[in-house]
Amino acid sequence: MTPSSPYGPPQPAGPSGRSADRTPDARSALLRMRRRRRRSLLLALFLVAVAAVGVTLARGGEPPTQAPVTTHGRMGHGGGVDAHPAPTSYPSVGAGRFTAADGGTEVHGEDGPLRRYRVAVERGTGQDADAFAATVDEVLADPRSWIASGELRVQRVADAAAADFTIYLATPVTSEQMCAEGGLTTERYTSCRLPGQVIINLARWLEAVPDYGAALETYRTYVINHEVGHEFGEEHEACPGPGEPAPVMQQQTYGLEGCVANAWPYVDGRRYAGDIVP
């Protein structure tokens, strides 16, 4: 039995054993048929792809995006390591509502007025409120932080009514809106502080800033101490000189101005500061 052909009945074989040459009309018909089949196949593939995207969006998903680029750098004190991990995907805007961390801490510090704080994370950021609070607690309880003065104590509480201020982790859009209520412009980039509110920008928390020259953990420590420092009455300070540690109240997010990254207000047991920026 002769195998059937999708292009018509088999042709007589020529002397070489191959199918005999077709007439010009037959060849033209064959080409037109192949073109129609190719167009039909391409159209079917296109419709399948469109249907798949539609199903994804209907289920609340998003089309795939380009993978983030890894940022590299060096430690501010001479170590050769990656400055930050690969930038993490994060939403630019969240729910606008916050979840507060549970529980609280003991009092940290030797003496002085007690400043109670609570911690809250915007919903829809993918960040855990208790995990963020644990990092904040570790920073503010460190002997190099603001309690090193011996004239200030801190404690985290869960009750908003008992807190003197709240530390928020918010998406770029929400943080910009919150800061703007106090007349501050962040361009969705920086963090800020308003009376009773320390607002940490999610993008900076996850990515730090380009060319910071230190690990992401160092930047996170800096931004907590810097913004909480404003809540404690501290003002902006300038870089003391090239190669010197940057004061924690220097606006390190905008650049180090020749200084090297530093996350702590107390260095070697002494308050480390630069000139006040007018």
C-alpha atoms as a PDB file:
ATOM      1  CA  MET A   1       0.000   0.000   0.000  1.00  0.00           C
ATOM      2  CA  THR A   2       1.332   3.441  -0.863  1.00  0.00           C
ATOM      3  CA  PRO A   3       1.478   5.898   2.087  1.00  0.00           C
ATOM      4  CA  SER A   4      -0.970   8.754   1.747  1.00  0.00           C
ATOM      5  CA  SER A   5       0.319  12.328   1.423  1.00  0.00           C
ATOM      6  CA  PRO A   6      -1.180  15.474   2.934  1.00  0.00           C
ATOM      7  CA  TYR A   7      -0.436  17.284  -0.307  1.00  0.00           C
ATOM      8  CA  GLY A   8      -2.363  15.027  -2.709  1.00  0.00           C
ATOM      9  CA  PRO A   9      -1.936  11.641  -4.424  1.00  0.00           C
ATOM     10  CA  PRO A  10       1.583  10.306  -5.044  1.00  0.00           C
ATOM     11  CA  GLN A  11       3.241  11.188  -8.322  1.00  0.00           C
ATOM     12  CA  PRO A  12       4.895   8.729 -10.679  1.00  0.00           C
ATOM     13  CA  ALA A  13       8.561   8.148  -9.936  1.00  0.00           C
ATOM     14  CA  GLY A  14      11.120   9.463 -12.382  1.00  0.00           C
ATOM     15  CA  PRO A  15      14.300   7.787 -13.517  1.00  0.00           C
ATOM     16  CA  SER A  16      16.212   8.769 -10.393  1.00  0.00           C
ATOM     17  CA  GLY A  17      13.636   7.190  -8.053  1.00  0.00           C
ATOM     18  CA  ARG A  18      12.382  10.569  -6.832  1.00  0.00           C
ATOM     19  CA  SER A  19       8.894  11.926  -7.475  1.00  0.00           C
ATOM     20  CA  ALA A  20       8.551  13.254 -10.951  1.00  0.00           C
ATOM     21  CA  ASP A  21       8.564  17.011 -11.465  1.00  0.00           C
ATOM     22  CA  ARG A  22       5.172  18.582 -10.963  1.00  0.00           C
ATOM     23  CA  THR A  23       3.595  20.972 -13.431  1.00  0.00           C
ATOM     24  CA  PRO A  24       3.850  24.732 -12.701  1.00  0.00           C
ATOM     25  CA  ASP A  25       0.145  24.839 -11.725  1.00  0.00           C
ATOM     26  CA  ALA A  26       0.577  21.957  -9.306  1.00  0.00           C
ATOM     27  CA  ARG A  27       3.640  23.537  -7.734  1.00  0.00           C
ATOM     28  CA  SER A  28       1.800  26.831  -7.263  1.00  0.00           C
ATOM     29  CA  ALA A  29      -1.147  25.089  -5.631  1.00  0.00           C
ATOM     30  CA  LEU A  30       1.189  23.209  -3.325  1.00  0.00           C
ATOM     31  CA  LEU A  31       2.952  26.401  -2.234  1.00  0.00           C
ATOM     32  CA  ARG A  32      -0.369  28.128  -1.580  1.00  0.00           C
ATOM     33  CA  MET A  33      -1.517  25.187   0.535  1.00  0.00           C
ATOM     34  CA  ARG A  34       1.694  25.202   2.583  1.00  0.00           C
ATOM     35  CA  ARG A  35       1.416  28.948   3.189  1.00  0.00           C
ATOM     36  CA  ARG A  36      -2.200  28.544   4.388  1.00  0.00           C
ATOM     37  CA  ARG A  37      -1.173  25.753   6.763  1.00  0.00           C
ATOM     38  CA  ARG A  38       1.700  27.839   8.137  1.00  0.00           C
ATOM     39  CA  ARG A  39      -0.572  30.855   8.722  1.00  0.00           C
ATOM     40  CA  SER A  40      -3.167  28.658  10.424  1.00  0.00           C
ATOM     41  CA  LEU A  41      -0.525  27.159  12.709  1.00  0.00           C
ATOM     42  CA  LEU A  42       0.878  30.564  13.677  1.00  0.00           C
ATOM     43  CA  LEU A  43      -2.617  31.913  14.346  1.00  0.00           C
ATOM     44  CA  ALA A  44      -3.411  28.933  16.573  1.00  0.00           C
ATOM     45  CA  LEU A  45      -0.199  29.412  18.588  1.00  0.00           C
ATOM     46  CA  PHE A  46      -0.948  33.118  19.013  1.00  0.00           C
ATOM     47  CA  LEU A  47      -4.487  32.429  20.274  1.00  0.00           C
ATOM     48  CA  VAL A  48      -3.178  29.864  22.766  1.00  0.00           C
ATOM     49  CA  ALA A  49      -0.620  32.367  24.123  1.00  0.00           C
ATOM     50  CA  VAL A  50      -3.257  35.100  24.469  1.00  0.00           C
ATOM     51  CA  ALA A  51      -5.584  32.721  26.286  1.00  0.00           C
ATOM     52  CA  ALA A  52      -2.804  31.706  28.715  1.00  0.00           C
ATOM     53  CA  VAL A  53      -2.029  35.345  29.601  1.00  0.00           C
ATOM     54  CA  GLY A  54      -5.735  36.035  30.087  1.00  0.00           C
ATOM     55  CA  VAL A  55      -6.084  33.143  32.524  1.00  0.00           C
ATOM     56  CA  THR A  56      -3.030  34.316  34.476  1.00  0.00           C
ATOM     57  CA  LEU A  57      -4.333  37.860  34.837  1.00  0.00           C
ATOM     58  CA  ALA A  58      -7.805  36.645  35.772  1.00  0.00           C
ATOM     59  CA  ARG A  59      -6.250  34.712  38.635  1.00  0.00           C
ATOM     60  CA  GLY A  60      -4.479  37.833  39.920  1.00  0.00           C
ATOM     61  CA  GLY A  61      -1.044  37.068  38.524  1.00  0.00           C
ATOM     62  CA  GLU A  62       1.302  39.188  36.453  1.00  0.00           C
ATOM     63  CA  PRO A  63       3.265  38.516  33.298  1.00  0.00           C
ATOM     64  CA  PRO A  64       6.878  37.517  34.029  1.00  0.00           C
ATOM     65  CA  THR A  65       9.319  40.381  34.489  1.00  0.00           C
ATOM     66  CA  GLN A  66      13.026  40.660  33.824  1.00  0.00           C
ATOM     67  CA  ALA A  67      15.260  39.201  36.528  1.00  0.00           C
ATOM     68  CA  PRO A  68      16.909  41.836  38.766  1.00  0.00           C
ATOM     69  CA  VAL A  69      20.544  42.740  38.348  1.00  0.00           C
ATOM     70  CA  THR A  70      23.028  41.946  41.101  1.00  0.00           C
ATOM     71  CA  THR A  71      24.716  44.932  42.745  1.00  0.00           C
ATOM     72  CA  HIS A  72      28.310  44.489  43.920  1.00  0.00           C
ATOM     73  CA  GLY A  73      30.637  46.636  45.956  1.00  0.00           C
ATOM     74  CA  ARG A  74      33.204  46.598  48.756  1.00  0.00           C
ATOM     75  CA  MET A  75      33.007  46.872  52.501  1.00  0.00           C
ATOM     76  CA  GLY A  76      33.609  50.405  53.747  1.00  0.00           C
ATOM     77  CA  HIS A  77      36.573  49.291  55.860  1.00  0.00           C
ATOM     78  CA  GLY A  78      38.553  47.448  53.222  1.00  0.00           C
ATOM     79  CA  GLY A  79      36.918  44.018  52.981  1.00  0.00           C
ATOM     80  CA  GLY A  80      36.252  42.762  49.473  1.00  0.00           C
ATOM     81  CA  VAL A  81      32.705  41.369  49.594  1.00  0.00           C
ATOM     82  CA  ASP A  82      29.439  41.863  47.785  1.00  0.00           C
ATOM     83  CA  ALA A  83      27.828  45.031  49.064  1.00  0.00           C
ATOM     84  CA  HIS A  84      24.279  43.750  48.707  1.00  0.00           C
ATOM     85  CA  PRO A  85      22.464  40.652  47.524  1.00  0.00           C
ATOM     86  CA  ALA A  86      20.576  40.782  44.255  1.00  0.00           C
ATOM     87  CA  PRO A  87      17.808  43.392  44.452  1.00  0.00           C
ATOM     88  CA  THR A  88      14.631  41.727  45.592  1.00  0.00           C
ATOM     89  CA  SER A  89      11.319  42.028  43.799  1.00  0.00           C
ATOM     90  CA  TYR A  90       8.941  44.104  45.875  1.00  0.00           C
ATOM     91  CA  PRO A  91       5.655  45.934  45.343  1.00  0.00           C
ATOM     92  CA  SER A  92       5.811  49.683  44.832  1.00  0.00           C
ATOM     93  CA  VAL A  93       2.510  50.097  46.647  1.00  0.00           C
ATOM     94  CA  GLY A  94       0.821  48.012  49.323  1.00  0.00           C
ATOM     95  CA  ALA A  95      -2.527  47.904  51.055  1.00  0.00           C
ATOM     96  CA  GLY A  96      -2.011  51.150  52.969  1.00  0.00           C
ATOM     97  CA  ARG A  97      -2.835  49.288  56.178  1.00  0.00           C
ATOM     98  CA  PHE A  98      -0.320  47.962  58.670  1.00  0.00           C
ATOM     99  CA  THR A  99       0.173  44.898  60.840  1.00  0.00           C
ATOM    100  CA  ALA A 100       1.872  45.533  64.186  1.00  0.00           C
ATOM    101  CA  ALA A 101       4.425  43.135  65.624  1.00  0.00           C
ATOM    102  CA  ASP A 102       3.291  41.052  68.566  1.00  0.00           C
ATOM    103  CA  GLY A 103       4.663  41.281  72.077  1.00  0.00           C
ATOM    104  CA  GLY A 104       7.422  43.559  73.285  1.00  0.00           C
ATOM    105  CA  THR A 105      10.877  43.681  74.857  1.00  0.00           C
ATOM    106  CA  GLU A 106      12.412  44.405  78.204  1.00  0.00           C
ATOM    107  CA  VAL A 107      13.764  47.865  78.920  1.00  0.00           C
ATOM    108  CA  HIS A 108      17.205  48.520  77.406  1.00  0.00           C
ATOM    109  CA  GLY A 109      19.529  51.244  78.681  1.00  0.00           C
ATOM    110  CA  GLU A 110      20.937  52.293  82.014  1.00  0.00           C
ATOM    111  CA  ASP A 111      19.155  55.505  82.896  1.00  0.00           C
ATOM    112  CA  GLY A 112      17.187  58.427  81.578  1.00  0.00           C
ATOM    113  CA  PRO A 113      13.726  58.806  80.092  1.00  0.00           C
ATOM    114  CA  LEU A 114      12.074  55.687  78.683  1.00  0.00           C
ATOM    115  CA  ARG A 115      11.014  55.902  75.041  1.00  0.00           C
ATOM    116  CA  ARG A 116       8.523  53.202  74.076  1.00  0.00           C
ATOM    117  CA  TYR A 117       8.118  52.250  70.422  1.00  0.00           C
ATOM    118  CA  ARG A 118       6.021  49.849  68.399  1.00  0.00           C
ATOM    119  CA  VAL A 119       6.753  48.315  65.002  1.00  0.00           C
ATOM    120  CA  ALA A 120       4.358  47.858  62.079  1.00  0.00           C
ATOM    121  CA  VAL A 121       4.709  46.541  58.510  1.00  0.00           C
ATOM    122  CA  GLU A 122       2.470  47.458  55.598  1.00  0.00           C
ATOM    123  CA  ARG A 123       0.301  44.616  54.371  1.00  0.00           C
ATOM    124  CA  GLY A 124       1.108  43.306  50.926  1.00  0.00           C
ATOM    125  CA  THR A 125       4.872  43.882  51.201  1.00  0.00           C
ATOM    126  CA  GLY A 126       5.744  40.231  51.731  1.00  0.00           C
ATOM    127  CA  GLN A 127       7.602  41.181  54.914  1.00  0.00           C
ATOM    128  CA  ASP A 128       6.945  39.691  58.342  1.00  0.00           C
ATOM    129  CA  ALA A 129       6.197  42.207  61.099  1.00  0.00           C
ATOM    130  CA  ASP A 130       7.789  40.122  63.850  1.00  0.00           C
ATOM    131  CA  ALA A 131      10.969  39.556  61.815  1.00  0.00           C
ATOM    132  CA  PHE A 132      11.273  43.280  61.054  1.00  0.00           C
ATOM    133  CA  ALA A 133      10.666  44.077  64.729  1.00  0.00           C
ATOM    134  CA  ALA A 134      13.411  41.654  65.774  1.00  0.00           C
ATOM    135  CA  THR A 135      15.920  43.537  63.605  1.00  0.00           C
ATOM    136  CA  VAL A 136      14.789  46.906  64.991  1.00  0.00           C
ATOM    137  CA  ASP A 137      15.033  45.575  68.563  1.00  0.00           C
ATOM    138  CA  GLU A 138      18.545  44.280  67.980  1.00  0.00           C
ATOM    139  CA  VAL A 139      19.711  47.627  66.604  1.00  0.00           C
ATOM    140  CA  LEU A 140      18.194  49.842  69.296  1.00  0.00           C
ATOM    141  CA  ALA A 141      19.352  47.564  72.142  1.00  0.00           C
ATOM    142  CA  ASP A 142      22.946  47.460  70.891  1.00  0.00           C
ATOM    143  CA  PRO A 143      25.496  49.186  73.170  1.00  0.00           C
ATOM    144  CA  ARG A 144      26.699  51.214  70.153  1.00  0.00           C
ATOM    145  CA  SER A 145      23.235  52.652  69.568  1.00  0.00           C
ATOM    146  CA  TRP A 146      21.492  55.596  71.261  1.00  0.00           C
ATOM    147  CA  ILE A 147      21.277  53.941  74.698  1.00  0.00           C
ATOM    148  CA  ALA A 148      25.089  54.146  74.910  1.00  0.00           C
ATOM    149  CA  SER A 149      24.705  57.687  76.270  1.00  0.00           C
ATOM    150  CA  GLY A 150      23.503  56.255  79.576  1.00  0.00           C
ATOM    151  CA  GLU A 151      20.780  58.903  79.488  1.00  0.00           C
ATOM    152  CA  LEU A 152      18.122  57.120  77.441  1.00  0.00           C
ATOM    153  CA  ARG A 153      16.201  53.870  77.656  1.00  0.00           C
ATOM    154  CA  VAL A 154      14.077  52.122  75.016  1.00  0.00           C
ATOM    155  CA  GLN A 155      11.435  49.419  75.017  1.00  0.00           C
ATOM    156  CA  ARG A 156       9.191  47.936  72.330  1.00  0.00           C
ATOM    157  CA  VAL A 157       5.493  47.602  73.149  1.00  0.00           C
ATOM    158  CA  ALA A 158       2.594  46.148  71.176  1.00  0.00           C
ATOM    159  CA  ASP A 159      -0.090  48.593  72.307  1.00  0.00           C
ATOM    160  CA  ALA A 160      -0.311  51.729  70.171  1.00  0.00           C
ATOM    161  CA  ALA A 161      -1.686  53.719  73.092  1.00  0.00           C
ATOM    162  CA  ALA A 162       1.420  52.917  75.142  1.00  0.00           C
ATOM    163  CA  ALA A 163       3.923  53.809  72.408  1.00  0.00           C
ATOM    164  CA  ASP A 164       5.705  57.149  72.098  1.00  0.00           C
ATOM    165  CA  PHE A 165       6.420  56.494  68.426  1.00  0.00           C
ATOM    166  CA  THR A 166       5.938  53.824  65.758  1.00  0.00           C
ATOM    167  CA  ILE A 167       8.505  52.494  63.307  1.00  0.00           C
ATOM    168  CA  TYR A 168       6.804  51.663  60.001  1.00  0.00           C
ATOM    169  CA  LEU A 169       8.070  49.593  57.068  1.00  0.00           C
ATOM    170  CA  ALA A 170       6.147  50.871  54.041  1.00  0.00           C
ATOM    171  CA  THR A 171       6.223  50.547  50.262  1.00  0.00           C
ATOM    172  CA  PRO A 172       7.679  53.433  48.217  1.00  0.00           C
ATOM    173  CA  VAL A 173       4.268  54.867  47.305  1.00  0.00           C
ATOM    174  CA  THR A 174       2.795  54.572  50.791  1.00  0.00           C
ATOM    175  CA  SER A 175       5.921  55.912  52.481  1.00  0.00           C
ATOM    176  CA  GLU A 176       5.925  58.899  50.121  1.00  0.00           C
ATOM    177  CA  GLN A 177       2.283  59.612  50.968  1.00  0.00           C
ATOM    178  CA  MET A 178       2.923  59.323  54.704  1.00  0.00           C
ATOM    179  CA  CYS A 179       5.984  61.571  54.594  1.00  0.00           C
ATOM    180  CA  ALA A 180       4.156  64.123  52.426  1.00  0.00           C
ATOM    181  CA  GLU A 181       1.568  64.565  55.174  1.00  0.00           C
ATOM    182  CA  GLY A 182       4.344  66.196  57.178  1.00  0.00           C
ATOM    183  CA  GLY A 183       5.541  68.310  54.255  1.00  0.00           C
ATOM    184  CA  LEU A 184       8.494  66.055  53.363  1.00  0.00           C
ATOM    185  CA  THR A 185       9.364  65.019  49.799  1.00  0.00           C
ATOM    186  CA  THR A 186      10.965  61.592  49.403  1.00  0.00           C
ATOM    187  CA  GLU A 187      10.331  60.897  45.691  1.00  0.00           C
ATOM    188  CA  ARG A 188       9.509  57.334  46.742  1.00  0.00           C
ATOM    189  CA  TYR A 189      13.230  56.837  47.392  1.00  0.00           C
ATOM    190  CA  THR A 190      14.207  57.830  50.910  1.00  0.00           C
ATOM    191  CA  SER A 191      12.886  57.121  54.379  1.00  0.00           C
ATOM    192  CA  CYS A 192      11.713  59.878  56.713  1.00  0.00           C
ATOM    193  CA  ARG A 193      10.639  60.790  60.220  1.00  0.00           C
ATOM    194  CA  LEU A 194       7.596  62.738  61.356  1.00  0.00           C
ATOM    195  CA  PRO A 195       6.749  63.409  65.010  1.00  0.00           C
ATOM    196  CA  GLY A 196       5.847  60.018  66.438  1.00  0.00           C
ATOM    197  CA  GLN A 197       6.458  58.229  63.110  1.00  0.00           C
ATOM    198  CA  VAL A 198       9.649  56.685  61.776  1.00  0.00           C
ATOM    199  CA  ILE A 199       8.923  55.583  58.189  1.00  0.00           C
ATOM    200  CA  ILE A 200      11.345  53.171  56.524  1.00  0.00           C
ATOM    201  CA  ASN A 201      11.094  52.847  52.737  1.00  0.00           C
ATOM    202  CA  LEU A 202      10.754  49.189  51.711  1.00  0.00           C
ATOM    203  CA  ALA A 203      12.944  49.667  48.632  1.00  0.00           C
ATOM    204  CA  ARG A 204      15.852  50.957  50.700  1.00  0.00           C
ATOM    205  CA  TRP A 205      15.324  48.216  53.267  1.00  0.00           C
ATOM    206  CA  LEU A 206      15.656  45.535  50.604  1.00  0.00           C
ATOM    207  CA  GLU A 207      18.226  47.110  48.268  1.00  0.00           C
ATOM    208  CA  ALA A 208      20.111  49.774  50.265  1.00  0.00           C
ATOM    209  CA  VAL A 209      21.629  52.341  47.861  1.00  0.00           C
ATOM    210  CA  PRO A 210      24.111  52.114  44.970  1.00  0.00           C
ATOM    211  CA  ASP A 211      27.813  52.374  45.854  1.00  0.00           C
ATOM    212  CA  TYR A 212      27.167  52.319  49.597  1.00  0.00           C
ATOM    213  CA  GLY A 213      30.291  50.257  50.086  1.00  0.00           C
ATOM    214  CA  ALA A 214      28.993  48.087  52.917  1.00  0.00           C
ATOM    215  CA  ALA A 215      26.715  45.122  53.486  1.00  0.00           C
ATOM    216  CA  LEU A 216      22.935  45.430  53.356  1.00  0.00           C
ATOM    217  CA  GLU A 217      22.826  44.707  57.102  1.00  0.00           C
ATOM    218  CA  THR A 218      24.999  47.783  57.712  1.00  0.00           C
ATOM    219  CA  TYR A 219      22.663  50.007  55.713  1.00  0.00           C
ATOM    220  CA  ARG A 220      19.631  48.673  57.560  1.00  0.00           C
ATOM    221  CA  THR A 221      21.280  49.414  60.892  1.00  0.00           C
ATOM    222  CA  TYR A 222      22.185  52.892  59.674  1.00  0.00           C
ATOM    223  CA  VAL A 223      18.689  53.780  58.452  1.00  0.00           C
ATOM    224  CA  ILE A 224      17.079  52.681  61.731  1.00  0.00           C
ATOM    225  CA  ASN A 225      19.565  54.616  63.854  1.00  0.00           C
ATOM    226  CA  HIS A 226      19.369  57.655  61.566  1.00  0.00           C
ATOM    227  CA  GLU A 227      15.587  58.008  61.496  1.00  0.00           C
ATOM    228  CA  VAL A 228      15.152  57.081  65.160  1.00  0.00           C
ATOM    229  CA  GLY A 229      17.904  59.612  65.896  1.00  0.00           C
ATOM    230  CA  HIS A 230      15.649  62.296  64.428  1.00  0.00           C
ATOM    231  CA  GLU A 231      12.868  61.094  66.748  1.00  0.00           C
ATOM    232  CA  PHE A 232      15.310  61.568  69.642  1.00  0.00           C
ATOM    233  CA  GLY A 233      16.026  65.139  68.543  1.00  0.00           C
ATOM    234  CA  GLU A 234      19.209  64.670  66.480  1.00  0.00           C
ATOM    235  CA  GLU A 235      19.921  66.804  63.403  1.00  0.00           C
ATOM    236  CA  HIS A 236      21.776  66.117  60.175  1.00  0.00           C
ATOM    237  CA  GLU A 237      25.569  66.105  60.337  1.00  0.00           C
ATOM    238  CA  ALA A 238      28.357  66.402  57.761  1.00  0.00           C
ATOM    239  CA  CYS A 239      31.206  64.067  56.837  1.00  0.00           C
ATOM    240  CA  PRO A 240      34.248  65.034  58.970  1.00  0.00           C
ATOM    241  CA  GLY A 241      36.725  64.305  56.175  1.00  0.00           C
ATOM    242  CA  PRO A 242      37.757  61.864  53.443  1.00  0.00           C
ATOM    243  CA  GLY A 243      38.285  58.341  54.718  1.00  0.00           C
ATOM    244  CA  GLU A 244      36.625  59.030  58.066  1.00  0.00           C
ATOM    245  CA  PRO A 245      33.567  57.088  59.267  1.00  0.00           C
ATOM    246  CA  ALA A 246      30.337  58.766  58.259  1.00  0.00           C
ATOM    247  CA  PRO A 247      28.337  60.095  61.234  1.00  0.00           C
ATOM    248  CA  VAL A 248      25.109  58.160  61.613  1.00  0.00           C
ATOM    249  CA  MET A 249      23.211  61.451  61.242  1.00  0.00           C
ATOM    250  CA  GLN A 250      24.896  62.128  57.898  1.00  0.00           C
ATOM    251  CA  GLN A 251      22.462  61.586  55.017  1.00  0.00           C
ATOM    252  CA  GLN A 252      24.307  58.495  53.829  1.00  0.00           C
ATOM    253  CA  THR A 253      21.464  57.522  51.520  1.00  0.00           C
ATOM    254  CA  TYR A 254      22.407  60.454  49.268  1.00  0.00           C
ATOM    255  CA  GLY A 255      26.117  59.616  49.284  1.00  0.00           C
ATOM    256  CA  LEU A 256      29.054  59.363  51.668  1.00  0.00           C
ATOM    257  CA  GLU A 257      30.908  62.516  50.489  1.00  0.00           C
ATOM    258  CA  GLY A 258      34.273  60.795  50.934  1.00  0.00           C
ATOM    259  CA  CYS A 259      33.469  59.153  54.263  1.00  0.00           C
ATOM    260  CA  VAL A 260      33.067  55.399  54.704  1.00  0.00           C
ATOM    261  CA  ALA A 261      29.823  53.761  55.766  1.00  0.00           C
ATOM    262  CA  ASN A 262      29.074  53.707  59.477  1.00  0.00           C
ATOM    263  CA  ALA A 263      25.831  52.589  61.114  1.00  0.00           C
ATOM    264  CA  TRP A 264      26.343  53.547  64.781  1.00  0.00           C
ATOM    265  CA  PRO A 265      26.078  56.808  66.740  1.00  0.00           C
ATOM    266  CA  TYR A 266      28.703  55.605  69.219  1.00  0.00           C
ATOM    267  CA  VAL A 267      32.133  54.469  67.990  1.00  0.00           C
ATOM    268  CA  ASP A 268      34.665  53.062  70.447  1.00  0.00           C
ATOM    269  CA  GLY A 269      32.364  54.032  73.302  1.00  0.00           C
ATOM    270  CA  ARG A 270      32.150  57.721  72.370  1.00  0.00           C
ATOM    271  CA  ARG A 271      29.485  59.716  70.590  1.00  0.00           C
ATOM    272  CA  TYR A 272      30.738  60.092  67.034  1.00  0.00           C
ATOM    273  CA  ALA A 273      29.414  63.145  65.199  1.00  0.00           C
ATOM    274  CA  GLY A 274      30.143  65.659  62.474  1.00  0.00           C
ATOM    275  CA  ASP A 275      29.308  69.324  62.104  1.00  0.00           C
ATOM    276  CA  ILE A 276      25.616  70.126  62.153  1.00  0.00           C
ATOM    277  CA  VAL A 277      24.245  70.724  58.659  1.00  0.00           C
ATOM    278  CA  PRO A 278      22.262  74.023  58.614  1.00  0.00           C
END
